[in-house]
Amino acid sequence: MDLNATLTGLAVAGRTDPGPTSNAAAAQRAIDGFADALREAEAQAEAAMTTGADPHMLVTAMAESKLAVDTVVTIRDRVVEAYQEILRMPV
């Protein structure tokens, strides 16, 4: 799974098809992509430990899972920051 292509596709889909439904669908696809990246890394790690699978695939899967986690953390930080900005607005 190529996480960069998934995230790029989500960004393009979000711009071309605005609206609450498409935003919810884009968020769901991003969550699914994150879960898939973690599952792939876990499967590669298990295969490397049990069957001696290709270590290069393990390193690639681990790098993709790190990128996925970093992306989710960045998004979470931005959402929290936006929420804090809203709270600071005068009423």
PDB file of N, CA and C in Angstrom:
ATOM      1  N   MET A   1       0.833  -1.175   0.000  1.00  0.00           N
ATOM      2  CA  MET A   1       0.000   0.000   0.000  1.00  0.00           C
ATOM      3  C   MET A   1       0.874   1.233   0.000  1.00  0.00           C
ATOM      4  N   ASP A   2       0.597   2.180  -0.870  1.00  0.00           N
ATOM      5  CA  ASP A   2       1.368   3.411  -0.947  1.00  0.00           C
ATOM      6  C   ASP A   2       0.599   4.518  -0.234  1.00  0.00           C
ATOM      7  N   LEU A   3       1.059   4.869   0.960  1.00  0.00           N
ATOM      8  CA  LEU A   3       0.349   5.844   1.778  1.00  0.00           C
ATOM      9  C   LEU A   3       0.375   7.227   1.151  1.00  0.00           C
ATOM     10  N   ASN A   4       1.488   7.587   0.507  1.00  0.00           N
ATOM     11  CA  ASN A   4       1.556   8.907  -0.133  1.00  0.00           C
ATOM     12  C   ASN A   4       0.510   9.046  -1.226  1.00  0.00           C
ATOM     13  N   ALA A   5       0.330   8.012  -2.019  1.00  0.00           N
ATOM     14  CA  ALA A   5      -0.686   8.063  -3.079  1.00  0.00           C
ATOM     15  C   ALA A   5      -2.077   8.153  -2.478  1.00  0.00           C
ATOM     16  N   THR A   6      -2.305   7.451  -1.378  1.00  0.00           N
ATOM     17  CA  THR A   6      -3.609   7.504  -0.719  1.00  0.00           C
ATOM     18  C   THR A   6      -3.897   8.905  -0.206  1.00  0.00           C
ATOM     19  N   LEU A   7      -2.911   9.499   0.472  1.00  0.00           N
ATOM     20  CA  LEU A   7      -3.112  10.841   1.017  1.00  0.00           C
ATOM     21  C   LEU A   7      -3.264  11.876  -0.091  1.00  0.00           C
ATOM     22  N   THR A   8      -2.508  11.720  -1.174  1.00  0.00           N
ATOM     23  CA  THR A   8      -2.649  12.633  -2.304  1.00  0.00           C
ATOM     24  C   THR A   8      -4.033  12.495  -2.917  1.00  0.00           C
ATOM     25  N   GLY A   9      -4.514  11.275  -3.053  1.00  0.00           N
ATOM     26  CA  GLY A   9      -5.853  11.049  -3.582  1.00  0.00           C
ATOM     27  C   GLY A   9      -6.921  11.660  -2.696  1.00  0.00           C
ATOM     28  N   LEU A  10      -6.723  11.585  -1.390  1.00  0.00           N
ATOM     29  CA  LEU A  10      -7.679  12.190  -0.470  1.00  0.00           C
ATOM     30  C   LEU A  10      -7.687  13.701  -0.606  1.00  0.00           C
ATOM     31  N   ALA A  11      -6.510  14.298  -0.771  1.00  0.00           N
ATOM     32  CA  ALA A  11      -6.445  15.750  -0.906  1.00  0.00           C
ATOM     33  C   ALA A  11      -7.139  16.197  -2.188  1.00  0.00           C
ATOM     34  N   VAL A  12      -6.928  15.473  -3.273  1.00  0.00           N
ATOM     35  CA  VAL A  12      -7.575  15.817  -4.535  1.00  0.00           C
ATOM     36  C   VAL A  12      -9.078  15.615  -4.426  1.00  0.00           C
ATOM     37  N   ALA A  13      -9.507  14.512  -3.820  1.00  0.00           N
ATOM     38  CA  ALA A  13     -10.941  14.237  -3.675  1.00  0.00           C
ATOM     39  C   ALA A  13     -11.598  15.299  -2.805  1.00  0.00           C
ATOM     40  N   GLY A  14     -10.916  15.740  -1.774  1.00  0.00           N
ATOM     41  CA  GLY A  14     -11.470  16.756  -0.892  1.00  0.00           C
ATOM     42  C   GLY A  14     -11.662  18.089  -1.586  1.00  0.00           C
ATOM     43  N   ARG A  15     -10.786  18.435  -2.517  1.00  0.00           N
ATOM     44  CA  ARG A  15     -10.900  19.719  -3.212  1.00  0.00           C
ATOM     45  C   ARG A  15     -11.941  19.690  -4.314  1.00  0.00           C
ATOM     46  N   THR A  16     -12.076  18.580  -4.992  1.00  0.00           N
ATOM     47  CA  THR A  16     -12.964  18.551  -6.149  1.00  0.00           C
ATOM     48  C   THR A  16     -14.405  18.239  -5.783  1.00  0.00           C
ATOM     49  N   ASP A  17     -14.640  17.706  -4.596  1.00  0.00           N
ATOM     50  CA  ASP A  17     -15.978  17.278  -4.243  1.00  0.00           C
ATOM     51  C   ASP A  17     -16.320  17.755  -2.831  1.00  0.00           C
ATOM     52  N   PRO A  18     -16.530  19.071  -2.659  1.00  0.00           N
ATOM     53  CA  PRO A  18     -16.765  19.572  -1.318  1.00  0.00           C
ATOM     54  C   PRO A  18     -18.138  19.189  -0.783  1.00  0.00           C
ATOM     55  N   GLY A  19     -18.291  19.274   0.500  1.00  0.00           N
ATOM     56  CA  GLY A  19     -19.560  18.980   1.132  1.00  0.00           C
ATOM     57  C   GLY A  19     -19.381  18.053   2.307  1.00  0.00           C
ATOM     58  N   PRO A  20     -20.351  18.021   3.215  1.00  0.00           N
ATOM     59  CA  PRO A  20     -20.209  17.205   4.405  1.00  0.00           C
ATOM     60  C   PRO A  20     -20.074  15.718   4.109  1.00  0.00           C
ATOM     61  N   THR A  21     -20.796  15.232   3.123  1.00  0.00           N
ATOM     62  CA  THR A  21     -20.734  13.807   2.808  1.00  0.00           C
ATOM     63  C   THR A  21     -19.362  13.430   2.279  1.00  0.00           C
ATOM     64  N   SER A  22     -18.805  14.238   1.378  1.00  0.00           N
ATOM     65  CA  SER A  22     -17.501  13.906   0.830  1.00  0.00           C
ATOM     66  C   SER A  22     -16.410  14.066   1.880  1.00  0.00           C
ATOM     67  N   ASN A  23     -16.567  15.028   2.799  1.00  0.00           N
ATOM     68  CA  ASN A  23     -15.582  15.171   3.868  1.00  0.00           C
ATOM     69  C   ASN A  23     -15.610  13.965   4.792  1.00  0.00           C
ATOM     70  N   ALA A  24     -16.796  13.489   5.108  1.00  0.00           N
ATOM     71  CA  ALA A  24     -16.910  12.302   5.951  1.00  0.00           C
ATOM     72  C   ALA A  24     -16.325  11.084   5.234  1.00  0.00           C
ATOM     73  N   ALA A  25     -16.579  10.976   3.941  1.00  0.00           N
ATOM     74  CA  ALA A  25     -16.035   9.852   3.175  1.00  0.00           C
ATOM     75  C   ALA A  25     -14.517   9.940   3.093  1.00  0.00           C
ATOM     76  N   ALA A  26     -13.985  11.148   2.902  1.00  0.00           N
ATOM     77  CA  ALA A  26     -12.531  11.327   2.841  1.00  0.00           C
ATOM     78  C   ALA A  26     -11.895  10.985   4.181  1.00  0.00           C
ATOM     79  N   ALA A  27     -12.532  11.392   5.265  1.00  0.00           N
ATOM     80  CA  ALA A  27     -12.011  11.070   6.591  1.00  0.00           C
ATOM     81  C   ALA A  27     -12.033   9.561   6.816  1.00  0.00           C
ATOM     82  N   GLN A  28     -13.098   8.903   6.382  1.00  0.00           N
ATOM     83  CA  GLN A  28     -13.188   7.457   6.545  1.00  0.00           C
ATOM     84  C   GLN A  28     -12.112   6.751   5.728  1.00  0.00           C
ATOM     85  N   ARG A  29     -11.878   7.221   4.504  1.00  0.00           N
ATOM     86  CA  ARG A  29     -10.819   6.619   3.675  1.00  0.00           C
ATOM     87  C   ARG A  29      -9.450   6.823   4.320  1.00  0.00           C
ATOM     88  N   ALA A  30      -9.225   7.988   4.920  1.00  0.00           N
ATOM     89  CA  ALA A  30      -7.949   8.245   5.584  1.00  0.00           C
ATOM     90  C   ALA A  30      -7.769   7.323   6.782  1.00  0.00           C
ATOM     91  N   ILE A  31      -8.829   7.129   7.545  1.00  0.00           N
ATOM     92  CA  ILE A  31      -8.762   6.228   8.700  1.00  0.00           C
ATOM     93  C   ILE A  31      -8.512   4.797   8.234  1.00  0.00           C
ATOM     94  N   ASP A  32      -9.195   4.393   7.176  1.00  0.00           N
ATOM     95  CA  ASP A  32      -8.997   3.051   6.634  1.00  0.00           C
ATOM     96  C   ASP A  32      -7.566   2.872   6.125  1.00  0.00           C
ATOM     97  N   GLY A  33      -7.025   3.898   5.468  1.00  0.00           N
ATOM     98  CA  GLY A  33      -5.651   3.840   4.980  1.00  0.00           C
ATOM     99  C   GLY A  33      -4.655   3.727   6.117  1.00  0.00           C
ATOM    100  N   PHE A  34      -4.916   4.451   7.200  1.00  0.00           N
ATOM    101  CA  PHE A  34      -4.061   4.379   8.383  1.00  0.00           C
ATOM    102  C   PHE A  34      -4.085   2.974   8.963  1.00  0.00           C
ATOM    103  N   ALA A  35      -5.281   2.420   9.111  1.00  0.00           N
ATOM    104  CA  ALA A  35      -5.409   1.067   9.668  1.00  0.00           C
ATOM    105  C   ALA A  35      -4.749   0.037   8.759  1.00  0.00           C
ATOM    106  N   ASP A  36      -4.897   0.204   7.447  1.00  0.00           N
ATOM    107  CA  ASP A  36      -4.268  -0.726   6.508  1.00  0.00           C
ATOM    108  C   ASP A  36      -2.748  -0.677   6.596  1.00  0.00           C
ATOM    109  N   ALA A  37      -2.189   0.527   6.743  1.00  0.00           N
ATOM    110  CA  ALA A  37      -0.732   0.664   6.855  1.00  0.00           C
ATOM    111  C   ALA A  37      -0.218  -0.028   8.109  1.00  0.00           C
ATOM    112  N   LEU A  38      -0.938   0.114   9.199  1.00  0.00           N
ATOM    113  CA  LEU A  38      -0.518  -0.546  10.437  1.00  0.00           C
ATOM    114  C   LEU A  38      -0.663  -2.059  10.343  1.00  0.00           C
ATOM    115  N   ARG A  39      -1.751  -2.521   9.713  1.00  0.00           N
ATOM    116  CA  ARG A  39      -1.932  -3.967   9.538  1.00  0.00           C
ATOM    117  C   ARG A  39      -0.824  -4.553   8.660  1.00  0.00           C
ATOM    118  N   GLU A  40      -0.472  -3.838   7.604  1.00  0.00           N
ATOM    119  CA  GLU A  40       0.584  -4.310   6.695  1.00  0.00           C
ATOM    120  C   GLU A  40       1.917  -4.406   7.434  1.00  0.00           C
ATOM    121  N   ALA A  41       2.241  -3.401   8.230  1.00  0.00           N
ATOM    122  CA  ALA A  41       3.492  -3.432   8.991  1.00  0.00           C
ATOM    123  C   ALA A  41       3.493  -4.587   9.978  1.00  0.00           C
ATOM    124  N   GLU A  42       2.370  -4.817  10.618  1.00  0.00           N
ATOM    125  CA  GLU A  42       2.268  -5.919  11.572  1.00  0.00           C
ATOM    126  C   GLU A  42       2.424  -7.268  10.866  1.00  0.00           C
ATOM    127  N   ALA A  43       1.791  -7.409   9.719  1.00  0.00           N
ATOM    128  CA  ALA A  43       1.900  -8.659   8.959  1.00  0.00           C
ATOM    129  C   ALA A  43       3.329  -8.892   8.482  1.00  0.00           C
ATOM    130  N   GLN A  44       3.997  -7.848   8.030  1.00  0.00           N
ATOM    131  CA  GLN A  44       5.384  -7.976   7.588  1.00  0.00           C
ATOM    132  C   GLN A  44       6.297  -8.336   8.750  1.00  0.00           C
ATOM    133  N   ALA A  45       6.072  -7.720   9.909  1.00  0.00           N
ATOM    134  CA  ALA A  45       6.885  -8.033  11.086  1.00  0.00           C
ATOM    135  C   ALA A  45       6.685  -9.486  11.505  1.00  0.00           C
ATOM    136  N   GLU A  46       5.452  -9.934  11.485  1.00  0.00           N
ATOM    137  CA  GLU A  46       5.164 -11.323  11.841  1.00  0.00           C
ATOM    138  C   GLU A  46       5.821 -12.276  10.855  1.00  0.00           C
ATOM    139  N   ALA A  47       5.726 -11.956   9.565  1.00  0.00           N
ATOM    140  CA  ALA A  47       6.337 -12.811   8.544  1.00  0.00           C
ATOM    141  C   ALA A  47       7.853 -12.834   8.685  1.00  0.00           C
ATOM    142  N   ALA A  48       8.450 -11.695   9.021  1.00  0.00           N
ATOM    143  CA  ALA A  48       9.897 -11.640   9.176  1.00  0.00           C
ATOM    144  C   ALA A  48      10.354 -12.483  10.365  1.00  0.00           C
ATOM    145  N   MET A  49       9.554 -12.513  11.418  1.00  0.00           N
ATOM    146  CA  MET A  49       9.927 -13.286  12.613  1.00  0.00           C
ATOM    147  C   MET A  49       9.679 -14.776  12.445  1.00  0.00           C
ATOM    148  N   THR A  50       8.633 -15.141  11.721  1.00  0.00           N
ATOM    149  CA  THR A  50       8.265 -16.555  11.653  1.00  0.00           C
ATOM    150  C   THR A  50       8.820 -17.269  10.430  1.00  0.00           C
ATOM    151  N   THR A  51       8.819 -16.615   9.280  1.00  0.00           N
ATOM    152  CA  THR A  51       9.234 -17.313   8.058  1.00  0.00           C
ATOM    153  C   THR A  51      10.513 -16.776   7.444  1.00  0.00           C
ATOM    154  N   GLY A  52      11.079 -15.735   8.036  1.00  0.00           N
ATOM    155  CA  GLY A  52      12.293 -15.165   7.471  1.00  0.00           C
ATOM    156  C   GLY A  52      12.024 -14.423   6.176  1.00  0.00           C
ATOM    157  N   ALA A  53      10.935 -13.697   6.118  1.00  0.00           N
ATOM    158  CA  ALA A  53      10.568 -12.941   4.915  1.00  0.00           C
ATOM    159  C   ALA A  53      11.606 -11.865   4.624  1.00  0.00           C
ATOM    160  N   ASP A  54      11.459 -11.234   3.487  1.00  0.00           N
ATOM    161  CA  ASP A  54      12.390 -10.212   3.015  1.00  0.00           C
ATOM    162  C   ASP A  54      12.482  -9.052   4.010  1.00  0.00           C
ATOM    163  N   PRO A  55      13.658  -8.788   4.543  1.00  0.00           N
ATOM    164  CA  PRO A  55      13.794  -7.695   5.517  1.00  0.00           C
ATOM    165  C   PRO A  55      13.556  -6.319   4.905  1.00  0.00           C
ATOM    166  N   HIS A  56      13.771  -6.189   3.604  1.00  0.00           N
ATOM    167  CA  HIS A  56      13.526  -4.900   2.946  1.00  0.00           C
ATOM    168  C   HIS A  56      12.043  -4.551   2.964  1.00  0.00           C
ATOM    169  N   MET A  57      11.200  -5.555   2.788  1.00  0.00           N
ATOM    170  CA  MET A  57       9.753  -5.322   2.854  1.00  0.00           C
ATOM    171  C   MET A  57       9.336  -4.916   4.269  1.00  0.00           C
ATOM    172  N   LEU A  58       9.996  -5.518   5.265  1.00  0.00           N
ATOM    173  CA  LEU A  58       9.700  -5.159   6.651  1.00  0.00           C
ATOM    174  C   LEU A  58      10.060  -3.699   6.915  1.00  0.00           C
ATOM    175  N   VAL A  59      11.234  -3.284   6.456  1.00  0.00           N
ATOM    176  CA  VAL A  59      11.668  -1.898   6.664  1.00  0.00           C
ATOM    177  C   VAL A  59      10.727  -0.936   5.946  1.00  0.00           C
ATOM    178  N   THR A  60      10.311  -1.282   4.740  1.00  0.00           N
ATOM    179  CA  THR A  60       9.377  -0.436   3.989  1.00  0.00           C
ATOM    180  C   THR A  60       8.040  -0.325   4.710  1.00  0.00           C
ATOM    181  N   ALA A  61       7.524  -1.443   5.178  1.00  0.00           N
ATOM    182  CA  ALA A  61       6.242  -1.433   5.889  1.00  0.00           C
ATOM    183  C   ALA A  61       6.341  -0.629   7.181  1.00  0.00           C
ATOM    184  N   MET A  62       7.443  -0.763   7.884  1.00  0.00           N
ATOM    185  CA  MET A  62       7.614  -0.006   9.124  1.00  0.00           C
ATOM    186  C   MET A  62       7.724   1.494   8.838  1.00  0.00           C
ATOM    187  N   ALA A  63       8.406   1.863   7.766  1.00  0.00           N
ATOM    188  CA  ALA A  63       8.513   3.280   7.402  1.00  0.00           C
ATOM    189  C   ALA A  63       7.146   3.841   7.024  1.00  0.00           C
ATOM    190  N   GLU A  64       6.348   3.065   6.301  1.00  0.00           N
ATOM    191  CA  GLU A  64       5.004   3.518   5.940  1.00  0.00           C
ATOM    192  C   GLU A  64       4.123   3.665   7.174  1.00  0.00           C
ATOM    193  N   SER A  65       4.261   2.746   8.127  1.00  0.00           N
ATOM    194  CA  SER A  65       3.456   2.871   9.344  1.00  0.00           C
ATOM    195  C   SER A  65       3.897   4.070  10.170  1.00  0.00           C
ATOM    196  N   LYS A  66       5.195   4.374  10.188  1.00  0.00           N
ATOM    197  CA  LYS A  66       5.676   5.561  10.897  1.00  0.00           C
ATOM    198  C   LYS A  66       5.133   6.823  10.232  1.00  0.00           C
ATOM    199  N   LEU A  67       5.128   6.848   8.920  1.00  0.00           N
ATOM    200  CA  LEU A  67       4.567   7.988   8.197  1.00  0.00           C
ATOM    201  C   LEU A  67       3.076   8.141   8.500  1.00  0.00           C
ATOM    202  N   ALA A  68       2.358   7.035   8.569  1.00  0.00           N
ATOM    203  CA  ALA A  68       0.931   7.086   8.868  1.00  0.00           C
ATOM    204  C   ALA A  68       0.690   7.632  10.276  1.00  0.00           C
ATOM    205  N   VAL A  69       1.471   7.163  11.235  1.00  0.00           N
ATOM    206  CA  VAL A  69       1.308   7.645  12.610  1.00  0.00           C
ATOM    207  C   VAL A  69       1.662   9.131  12.695  1.00  0.00           C
ATOM    208  N   ASP A  70       2.746   9.534  12.052  1.00  0.00           N
ATOM    209  CA  ASP A  70       3.130  10.950  12.049  1.00  0.00           C
ATOM    210  C   ASP A  70       2.040  11.817  11.422  1.00  0.00           C
ATOM    211  N   THR A  71       1.428  11.334  10.362  1.00  0.00           N
ATOM    212  CA  THR A  71       0.358  12.084   9.698  1.00  0.00           C
ATOM    213  C   THR A  71      -0.852  12.231  10.611  1.00  0.00           C
ATOM    214  N   VAL A  72      -1.236  11.152  11.281  1.00  0.00           N
ATOM    215  CA  VAL A  72      -2.379  11.207  12.185  1.00  0.00           C
ATOM    216  C   VAL A  72      -2.100  12.140  13.355  1.00  0.00           C
ATOM    217  N   VAL A  73      -0.897  12.107  13.886  1.00  0.00           N
ATOM    218  CA  VAL A  73      -0.544  12.993  14.989  1.00  0.00           C
ATOM    219  C   VAL A  73      -0.579  14.453  14.539  1.00  0.00           C
ATOM    220  N   THR A  74      -0.089  14.736  13.350  1.00  0.00           N
ATOM    221  CA  THR A  74      -0.117  16.101  12.822  1.00  0.00           C
ATOM    222  C   THR A  74      -1.552  16.585  12.640  1.00  0.00           C
ATOM    223  N   ILE A  75      -2.398  15.735  12.103  1.00  0.00           N
ATOM    224  CA  ILE A  75      -3.812  16.107  11.912  1.00  0.00           C
ATOM    225  C   ILE A  75      -4.465  16.356  13.262  1.00  0.00           C
ATOM    226  N   ARG A  76      -4.204  15.485  14.219  1.00  0.00           N
ATOM    227  CA  ARG A  76      -4.773  15.676  15.554  1.00  0.00           C
ATOM    228  C   ARG A  76      -4.318  17.000  16.162  1.00  0.00           C
ATOM    229  N   ASP A  77      -3.033  17.310  16.030  1.00  0.00           N
ATOM    230  CA  ASP A  77      -2.514  18.570  16.568  1.00  0.00           C
ATOM    231  C   ASP A  77      -3.183  19.772  15.921  1.00  0.00           C
ATOM    232  N   ARG A  78      -3.401  19.696  14.618  1.00  0.00           N
ATOM    233  CA  ARG A  78      -4.064  20.811  13.915  1.00  0.00           C
ATOM    234  C   ARG A  78      -5.514  20.965  14.356  1.00  0.00           C
ATOM    235  N   VAL A  79      -6.197  19.862  14.566  1.00  0.00           N
ATOM    236  CA  VAL A  79      -7.591  19.924  15.023  1.00  0.00           C
ATOM    237  C   VAL A  79      -7.657  20.526  16.418  1.00  0.00           C
ATOM    238  N   VAL A  80      -6.767  20.115  17.299  1.00  0.00           N
ATOM    239  CA  VAL A  80      -6.738  20.671  18.650  1.00  0.00           C
ATOM    240  C   VAL A  80      -6.417  22.160  18.607  1.00  0.00           C
ATOM    241  N   GLU A  81      -5.476  22.537  17.767  1.00  0.00           N
ATOM    242  CA  GLU A  81      -5.110  23.947  17.618  1.00  0.00           C
ATOM    243  C   GLU A  81      -6.300  24.769  17.108  1.00  0.00           C
ATOM    244  N   ALA A  82      -7.015  24.249  16.141  1.00  0.00           N
ATOM    245  CA  ALA A  82      -8.194  24.955  15.616  1.00  0.00           C
ATOM    246  C   ALA A  82      -9.270  25.077  16.686  1.00  0.00           C
ATOM    247  N   TYR A  83      -9.470  24.035  17.458  1.00  0.00           N
ATOM    248  CA  TYR A  83     -10.453  24.072  18.536  1.00  0.00           C
ATOM    249  C   TYR A  83     -10.067  25.127  19.570  1.00  0.00           C
ATOM    250  N   GLN A  84      -8.796  25.198  19.906  1.00  0.00           N
ATOM    251  CA  GLN A  84      -8.341  26.201  20.867  1.00  0.00           C
ATOM    252  C   GLN A  84      -8.519  27.614  20.328  1.00  0.00           C
ATOM    253  N   GLU A  85      -8.306  27.792  19.037  1.00  0.00           N
ATOM    254  CA  GLU A  85      -8.536  29.111  18.424  1.00  0.00           C
ATOM    255  C   GLU A  85     -10.010  29.499  18.513  1.00  0.00           C
ATOM    256  N   ILE A  86     -10.887  28.553  18.298  1.00  0.00           N
ATOM    257  CA  ILE A  86     -12.321  28.816  18.388  1.00  0.00           C
ATOM    258  C   ILE A  86     -12.693  29.226  19.820  1.00  0.00           C
ATOM    259  N   LEU A  87     -12.104  28.550  20.795  1.00  0.00           N
ATOM    260  CA  LEU A  87     -12.391  28.872  22.184  1.00  0.00           C
ATOM    261  C   LEU A  87     -11.908  30.275  22.560  1.00  0.00           C
ATOM    262  N   ARG A  88     -10.851  30.741  21.909  1.00  0.00           N
ATOM    263  CA  ARG A  88     -10.315  32.075  22.202  1.00  0.00           C
ATOM    264  C   ARG A  88     -11.083  33.200  21.541  1.00  0.00           C
ATOM    265  N   MET A  89     -11.968  32.887  20.626  1.00  0.00           N
ATOM    266  CA  MET A  89     -12.725  33.930  19.912  1.00  0.00           C
ATOM    267  C   MET A  89     -13.681  34.639  20.866  1.00  0.00           C
ATOM    268  N   PRO A  90     -13.754  35.971  20.754  1.00  0.00           N
ATOM    269  CA  PRO A  90     -14.730  36.681  21.601  1.00  0.00           C
ATOM    270  C   PRO A  90     -16.152  36.429  21.102  1.00  0.00           C
ATOM    271  N   VAL A  91     -17.058  36.389  22.026  1.00  0.00           N
ATOM    272  CA  VAL A  91     -18.456  36.122  21.663  1.00  0.00           C
ATOM    273  C   VAL A  91     -19.236  37.388  21.503  1.00  0.00           C
TER     274      VAL A  91
END
